[in-house]
Protein backbone atom coordinates (compact mmCIF):
# COMPACT_ATOMS: atom_id res chain seq x y z
CA MET A 1 0.00 0.00 0.00
CA ALA A 2 2.83 2.40 0.87
CA ASP A 3 4.58 1.97 -2.49
CA GLY A 4 1.27 2.08 -4.32
CA ALA A 5 1.95 -1.17 -6.18
CA HIS A 6 -1.63 -2.40 -5.91
CA LEU A 7 -3.31 0.88 -5.02
CA LEU A 8 -5.72 2.53 -7.45
CA PRO A 9 -8.23 5.38 -7.06
CA ALA A 10 -10.96 2.76 -7.44
CA ASN A 11 -9.81 0.65 -4.46
CA TYR A 12 -8.18 3.34 -2.29
CA ILE A 13 -10.95 3.67 0.31
CA LEU A 14 -11.28 -0.11 0.59
CA CYS A 15 -7.53 -0.52 1.19
CA LEU A 16 -7.60 2.32 3.72
CA ASN A 17 -10.41 0.63 5.64
CA VAL A 18 -8.59 -2.71 5.66
CA ALA A 19 -5.39 -1.08 7.00
CA ALA A 20 -7.42 0.67 9.70
CA GLN A 21 -8.95 -2.65 10.76
CA PHE A 22 -5.47 -4.16 11.19
CA ALA A 23 -4.42 -1.12 13.22
CA ASP A 24 -7.36 -1.51 15.58
CA CYS A 25 -6.45 -2.70 19.08
CA HIS A 26 -9.02 -5.52 18.89
CA VAL A 27 -7.29 -7.06 15.89
CA GLY A 28 -3.50 -6.69 16.11
CA ASN A 29 -0.61 -6.18 18.49
CA ILE A 30 1.30 -2.89 18.81
CA ASP A 31 3.86 -3.63 16.08
CA GLN A 32 1.16 -4.63 13.62
CA SER A 33 -0.85 -1.52 14.45
CA VAL A 34 2.16 0.73 13.92
CA ARG A 35 2.95 -0.92 10.57
CA SER A 36 -0.68 -0.47 9.52
CA LEU A 37 -0.53 3.23 10.38
CA ASP A 38 2.66 3.49 8.31
CA LEU A 39 0.83 1.95 5.37
CA MET A 40 -2.05 4.38 5.75
CA ALA A 41 0.24 7.42 5.90
CA GLY A 42 2.41 6.06 3.09
CA SER A 43 -0.60 6.06 0.77
CA LEU A 44 -0.25 9.86 0.61
CA ILE A 45 2.46 9.27 -2.01
CA SER A 46 -0.13 7.69 -4.30
CA LEU A 47 -2.52 10.60 -3.80
CA ILE A 48 0.23 13.05 -4.75
CA ARG A 49 1.18 11.01 -7.81
CA TRP A 50 -2.43 10.76 -8.97
CA SER A 51 -2.89 14.48 -8.43
CA HIS A 52 0.08 15.31 -10.66
CA LYS A 53 -1.03 12.86 -13.35
CA ALA A 54 -4.52 14.34 -13.36
CA LYS A 55 -3.13 17.81 -14.03
CA GLU A 56 -0.84 16.60 -16.80
CA ALA A 57 -2.88 13.97 -18.66
CA LEU A 58 -6.55 14.85 -18.33
CA GLY A 59 -8.70 17.58 -19.80
CA GLN A 60 -9.75 20.44 -17.57
CA GLU A 61 -13.16 19.04 -16.62
CA ALA A 62 -11.85 15.53 -15.92
CA ALA A 63 -8.89 16.95 -13.98
CA ILE A 64 -11.22 18.96 -11.74
CA LYS A 65 -13.31 15.86 -11.03
CA MET A 66 -10.20 13.79 -10.29
CA THR A 67 -8.82 16.50 -8.00
CA GLN A 68 -12.09 16.52 -6.06
CA ASP A 69 -11.95 12.73 -5.71
CA ILE A 70 -8.34 12.87 -4.49
CA THR A 71 -9.24 15.57 -1.96
CA GLU A 72 -12.03 13.32 -0.64
CA MET A 73 -9.59 10.40 -0.37
CA TRP A 74 -7.13 12.61 1.53
CA LEU A 75 -9.85 13.68 3.92
CA ARG A 76 -10.78 10.04 4.57
CA LEU A 77 -7.09 9.33 5.23
CA ILE A 78 -6.88 12.20 7.75
CA GLN A 79 -10.06 11.08 9.50
CA GLY A 80 -8.84 7.48 9.60
CA LEU A 81 -5.54 8.43 11.24
CA ARG A 82 -7.20 10.81 13.71
CA LYS A 83 -9.24 7.91 15.08
CA PHE A 84 -6.04 6.29 16.39
CA CYS A 85 -4.72 9.51 17.96
CA LYS A 86 -6.71 8.67 21.11
CA ASP A 87 -5.80 4.98 21.19
CA GLN A 88 -5.22 3.64 24.70
CA ARG A 89 -1.84 2.24 23.68
CA ASP A 90 0.78 4.99 24.07
CA GLU A 91 2.99 3.81 21.21
CA VAL A 92 0.09 3.57 18.76
CA ARG A 93 -1.43 6.89 19.84
CA ASP A 94 1.84 8.80 19.53
CA HIS A 95 2.68 7.20 16.19
CA ALA A 96 -0.76 8.05 14.85
CA ILE A 97 -0.24 11.73 15.74
CA LEU A 98 3.10 11.74 13.91
CA MET A 99 1.53 10.09 10.85
CA LEU A 100 -1.35 12.56 10.95
CA GLN A 101 1.14 15.42 10.96
CA ARG A 102 2.96 13.89 7.99
CA CYS A 103 -0.25 13.66 5.97
CA LEU A 104 -1.39 17.18 6.88
CA THR A 105 1.93 18.85 6.08
CA GLY A 106 2.40 16.70 2.96
CA ALA A 107 -0.88 17.97 1.54
CA ASP A 108 0.84 21.06 0.10
CA ARG A 109 1.48 18.92 -2.99
CA ILE A 110 -2.25 18.33 -3.37
CA HIS A 111 -4.68 21.16 -4.00
CA ILE A 112 -6.64 21.45 -0.75
CA PRO A 113 -9.32 24.19 -0.81
CA GLU A 114 -9.16 26.89 1.84
CA ASP A 115 -12.50 25.93 3.35
CA LEU A 116 -11.31 22.34 3.77
CA TRP A 117 -8.22 23.51 5.65
CA LEU A 118 -10.48 25.46 8.01
CA GLN A 119 -12.60 22.32 8.42
CA CYS A 120 -9.49 20.27 9.22
CA PHE A 121 -8.47 22.66 11.96
CA ASP A 122 -11.92 22.71 13.46
CA GLN A 123 -12.85 19.04 13.16
CA VAL A 124 -9.45 17.33 13.27
CA ILE A 125 -6.68 19.36 14.92
CA PHE A 126 -8.69 21.33 17.48
CA THR A 127 -10.87 18.30 18.26
CA LEU A 128 -7.78 16.13 18.76
CA LEU A 129 -6.22 18.50 21.28
CA ASP A 130 -9.54 18.93 23.06
CA GLU A 131 -9.93 15.15 23.38
CA LEU A 132 -6.36 14.69 24.64
CA LEU A 133 -6.84 17.42 27.26
CA ASN A 134 -9.98 15.64 28.44
CA LEU A 135 -8.12 12.32 28.60
CA ALA A 136 -5.57 13.97 30.91
CA GLN A 137 -8.27 14.27 33.58
CA PRO A 138 -7.89 12.01 36.66
CA SER A 139 -10.96 9.95 35.70
CA PHE A 140 -9.11 8.63 32.60
CA LEU A 141 -5.77 8.02 34.33
CA LYS A 142 -6.27 4.26 34.56
CA ASP A 143 -6.79 3.79 30.81
CA TYR A 144 -4.58 6.61 29.48
CA ARG A 145 -1.14 6.96 31.03
CA ASN A 146 1.23 9.19 29.09
CA THR A 147 -1.17 11.80 27.76
CA GLU A 148 1.49 14.47 28.34
CA GLY A 149 3.61 13.07 25.52
CA ALA A 150 0.61 12.95 23.20
CA ILE A 151 -0.31 16.58 23.98
CA VAL A 152 3.29 17.63 23.22
CA LEU A 153 3.08 15.94 19.80
CA ALA A 154 -0.36 17.41 19.10
CA LEU A 155 0.84 20.93 19.96
CA LYS A 156 3.76 20.59 17.56
CA LEU A 157 1.35 19.31 14.91
CA MET A 158 -1.05 22.25 15.36
CA PHE A 159 1.61 24.94 15.13
CA LYS A 160 3.45 23.29 12.25
CA VAL A 161 0.29 22.93 10.14
CA PHE A 162 -0.79 26.46 11.08
CA LEU A 163 2.51 27.93 9.92
CA GLN A 164 2.62 25.89 6.73
CA SER A 165 -0.89 26.98 5.72
CA LEU A 166 -0.51 30.53 7.09
CA HIS A 167 -0.02 32.21 3.72
CA HIS A 168 -3.34 30.93 2.38
CA LEU A 169 -5.38 30.98 5.58
CA SER A 170 -4.46 34.57 6.44
CA ARG A 171 -6.54 35.68 3.43
CA SER A 172 -9.67 34.05 4.81
CA ILE A 173 -12.38 36.06 6.56
CA SER A 174 -12.31 33.31 9.21
CA PHE A 175 -8.58 33.68 9.93
CA CYS A 176 -9.03 35.70 13.13
CA LYS A 177 -11.42 33.06 14.50
CA LEU A 178 -8.95 30.31 13.56
CA TRP A 179 -6.04 32.12 15.24
CA LEU A 180 -8.05 32.68 18.42
CA GLY A 181 -8.89 28.97 18.41
CA VAL A 182 -5.16 28.16 18.29
CA LEU A 183 -4.49 30.52 21.21
CA SER A 184 -7.42 29.23 23.25
CA LEU A 185 -6.28 25.61 23.02
CA THR A 186 -2.69 26.65 23.70
CA GLU A 187 -3.82 28.36 26.91
CA ARG A 188 -5.65 25.20 27.99
CA CYS A 189 -2.54 23.13 27.34
CA MET A 190 -0.51 25.58 29.41
CA LYS A 191 -2.76 24.96 32.42
CA VAL A 192 -3.29 21.21 32.13
CA LYS A 193 -2.27 19.10 35.12
CA PHE A 194 -1.05 15.52 35.26
CA LYS A 195 -1.60 13.72 38.55
CA GLY A 196 -2.33 17.07 40.16
CA LYS A 197 0.87 18.76 38.92
CA ARG A 198 1.47 21.07 35.99
CA SER A 199 3.86 19.92 33.32
CA GLU A 200 7.38 21.33 33.13
CA LYS A 201 7.87 20.37 29.49
CA ILE A 202 4.67 21.80 27.97
CA PRO A 203 5.05 25.48 29.08
CA GLU A 204 8.62 25.54 27.75
CA LEU A 205 7.50 24.04 24.44
CA ILE A 206 4.55 26.42 24.13
CA SER A 207 6.73 29.45 24.76
CA GLU A 208 9.06 28.43 21.93
CA LEU A 209 6.33 27.44 19.47
CA LEU A 210 4.28 30.56 20.11
CA LYS A 211 7.26 32.88 19.91
CA ASN A 212 8.36 31.42 16.57
CA THR A 213 4.81 31.70 15.23
CA LEU A 214 4.46 35.33 16.31
CA PHE A 215 7.80 36.19 14.70
CA VAL A 216 6.69 34.61 11.41
CA MET A 217 3.37 36.49 11.54
CA LYS A 218 5.20 39.72 12.30
CA THR A 219 7.84 39.40 9.58
CA SER A 220 5.35 38.27 6.93
CA GLY A 221 3.21 41.34 7.66
CA ILE A 222 0.24 39.54 9.18
CA LEU A 223 0.70 40.88 12.71
CA GLY A 224 1.43 44.52 13.44
CA PRO A 225 0.01 47.53 15.32
CA SER A 226 -2.11 48.33 12.25
CA ASN A 227 -2.96 45.01 10.66
CA PRO A 228 -3.73 44.11 7.06
CA VAL A 229 -5.70 41.24 8.65
CA GLY A 230 -8.62 42.35 10.79
CA GLY A 231 -7.34 45.83 11.66
CA ASP A 232 -6.47 46.91 15.20
CA SER A 233 -8.88 44.40 16.72
CA PHE A 234 -6.70 41.53 15.46
CA TRP A 235 -3.66 43.08 17.12
CA LYS A 236 -5.49 43.67 20.40
CA LEU A 237 -7.15 40.25 20.50
CA THR A 238 -3.84 38.56 19.77
CA TRP A 239 -2.04 40.12 22.73
CA LEU A 240 -5.03 39.85 25.03
CA ASN A 241 -4.84 36.09 24.58
CA VAL A 242 -1.03 35.77 24.36
CA HIS A 243 -0.67 37.59 27.69
CA LYS A 244 -2.70 34.81 29.32
CA ILE A 245 -0.19 32.27 28.02
CA CYS A 246 3.25 33.93 28.04
CA PRO A 247 3.09 37.55 29.30
CA SER A 248 6.67 38.37 28.25
CA LEU A 249 6.31 37.45 24.58
CA GLN A 250 5.04 40.80 23.32
CA SER A 251 8.19 42.63 24.43
CA GLU A 252 10.33 39.85 22.91
CA VAL A 253 8.59 39.92 19.53
CA PHE A 254 7.92 43.68 19.45
CA PRO A 255 10.51 45.49 21.62
CA THR A 256 9.20 48.81 22.93
CA ASN A 257 11.43 51.04 20.78
CA GLU A 258 10.56 49.08 17.62
CA LEU A 259 6.84 49.11 18.43
CA GLU A 260 6.84 52.88 18.96
CA LYS A 261 8.68 53.34 15.68
CA LEU A 262 6.10 51.24 13.81
CA LYS A 263 3.19 53.14 15.35
CA LYS A 264 4.82 56.43 14.44
CA GLN A 265 5.34 55.32 10.84
CA HIS A 266 1.67 54.47 10.45
CA LEU A 267 0.56 57.74 11.96
CA GLN A 268 2.81 59.67 9.60
CA ALA A 269 1.67 57.65 6.60
CA ASP A 270 -1.96 58.52 7.44
CA ARG A 271 -3.28 55.81 5.19
CA SER A 272 -4.61 52.27 5.51
CA PRO A 273 -1.93 49.58 5.16
CA LEU A 274 -4.60 47.32 3.69
CA ALA A 275 -5.55 49.79 0.98
CA GLU A 276 -1.95 50.53 0.05
CA GLY A 277 -0.80 46.93 0.29
CA ASN A 278 1.89 47.73 2.85
CA VAL A 279 3.34 45.11 5.14
CA ILE A 280 3.98 45.77 8.78
CA VAL A 281 7.73 45.41 8.72
CA SER A 282 10.35 48.05 9.31
CA PRO A 283 11.84 49.15 5.94
CA ALA A 284 15.33 48.66 7.34
CA GLU A 285 14.67 45.00 8.09
CA ASN A 286 15.53 42.21 5.72
CA ARG A 287 12.27 40.71 4.52
CA LEU A 288 12.60 36.97 4.35
CA SER A 289 10.14 35.04 2.29
CA LEU A 290 7.51 33.08 4.20
CA ILE A 291 9.10 29.85 2.93
CA ASP A 292 12.47 30.86 4.40
CA LEU A 293 10.80 31.74 7.67
CA LEU A 294 9.07 28.38 7.86
CA LYS A 295 12.30 26.53 7.10
CA HIS A 296 13.97 28.46 9.92
CA HIS A 297 11.09 27.65 12.27
CA TRP A 298 11.06 23.95 11.46
CA GLY A 299 14.82 23.75 11.86
CA ALA A 300 14.54 25.25 15.32
CA GLU A 301 11.60 23.00 16.19
CA GLU A 302 13.60 19.83 15.65
CA GLN A 303 15.81 20.90 18.53
CA ILE A 304 12.89 21.30 20.96
């Protein structure tokens, strides 16, 4: 299934369902479940290959239909993997989260509509973190042991997918709501307790992930004292929520002297940055492309 030798668009869903059955705890042992999850995630290669062939070999109408079918297959793959992200077996649960991340971040080579990305955040990523936070409650301690490790992986997944899709999602009218959803879940993760004690690892991880994300949003022009996205309310809502998580981050991302300079520039310009197409970055700064910023972020993340 992973190499696509016997996989076709016509039998893809069937093969996916069979692999999921072998991954189920009632059918196989841990090693078999992990191998089945690998097969499921590996099928993304076939989806990418079919997507490229559709664009090259088919007429426009047929290509559109094939692209829609591939998108539906990808969504079924994501939903299938998400099911195992709350498995009672630690090894299977953690591996499922990693495979889910691989299939979400690998979707940049398939055309995924903006509304489907928003749906994935709402119904897959946010729901996953919400479920894991609930499983960390004392009442689930007997059946779910190392939920801290799973929450760490899910946080990395959320921020990585958010950054990778940031360029497209920031254009959506629902972007502010999405961003506030990220911050809300991050705050809950910051406060979660395990056996009555707060985690030492999670706050440190959150501080690093959130700081990197804010820097990318700042440098790409999405976040500034006068925002192209959502106006001043976006700026105010961002820091209102960030202060609940890591109060010191605003001064790290926007030092006081730099922030005053930016505000002064916008007052002097006396025009809307949205109307003029300006980005909220100091002219003296080197403006890295969003791709470069993401590469820098991911490189730093591997060291966390």
